[in-house]
Amino acid sequence: MDDYWELLRNFEVKKRTIDADSDELVTYKVPFKMLEFVLELKPATLKQVI
């Protein structure tokens, strides 16, 4: 559950710091545990999930 809160917190920080007029790419970190969880629910490759 901690990973979920971290995900939300990181999203809020990114959302507040992004400039809508910028063409710059945005990097977003997803906790590895969240990816493991998704892969358990949906058997696929990591590339397909992302």
Protein backbone atom coordinates (compact mmCIF):
# COMPACT_ATOMS: atom_id res chain seq x y z
CA MET A 1 0.00 0.00 0.00
CA ASP A 2 2.95 2.30 0.60
CA ASP A 3 3.87 2.03 -3.08
CA TYR A 4 0.40 3.20 -4.02
CA TRP A 5 0.74 6.33 -1.88
CA GLU A 6 4.21 6.95 -3.28
CA LEU A 7 2.80 6.68 -6.79
CA LEU A 8 0.08 9.23 -6.02
CA ARG A 9 2.48 11.58 -4.26
CA ASN A 10 4.96 11.48 -7.17
CA PHE A 11 2.15 12.09 -9.64
CA GLU A 12 0.97 15.16 -7.73
CA VAL A 13 4.49 16.58 -7.62
CA LYS A 14 4.95 16.08 -11.36
CA LYS A 15 1.54 17.53 -12.09
CA ARG A 16 2.41 20.73 -10.25
CA THR A 17 5.86 21.16 -11.80
CA ILE A 18 5.03 20.56 -15.47
CA ASP A 19 4.82 23.61 -17.70
CA ALA A 20 1.95 23.21 -20.19
CA ASP A 21 3.82 25.27 -22.80
CA SER A 22 6.93 23.11 -22.67
CA ASP A 23 7.78 20.42 -25.22
CA GLU A 24 10.09 18.76 -22.70
CA LEU A 25 9.59 15.06 -21.98
CA VAL A 26 8.34 14.14 -18.53
CA THR A 27 9.93 11.25 -16.66
CA TYR A 28 7.77 9.46 -14.14
CA LYS A 29 9.04 6.81 -11.75
CA VAL A 30 6.77 3.89 -10.98
CA PRO A 31 7.66 1.73 -7.97
CA PHE A 32 8.86 -1.69 -9.10
CA LYS A 33 6.40 -3.40 -6.77
CA MET A 34 3.56 -1.76 -8.71
CA LEU A 35 4.92 -3.18 -11.96
CA GLU A 36 5.24 -6.62 -10.39
CA PHE A 37 1.64 -6.40 -9.24
CA VAL A 38 0.41 -5.46 -12.72
CA LEU A 39 2.43 -8.26 -14.30
CA GLU A 40 0.80 -10.73 -11.92
CA LEU A 41 -2.66 -9.53 -12.96
CA LYS A 42 -1.89 -9.40 -16.67
CA PRO A 43 0.75 -11.83 -17.88
CA ALA A 44 2.71 -9.87 -20.48
CA THR A 45 6.17 -8.49 -21.07
CA LEU A 46 7.26 -5.38 -19.24
CA LYS A 47 7.36 -3.47 -22.52
CA GLN A 48 3.73 -4.41 -23.29
CA VAL A 49 2.58 -3.31 -19.84
CA ILE A 50 4.30 0.05 -20.04
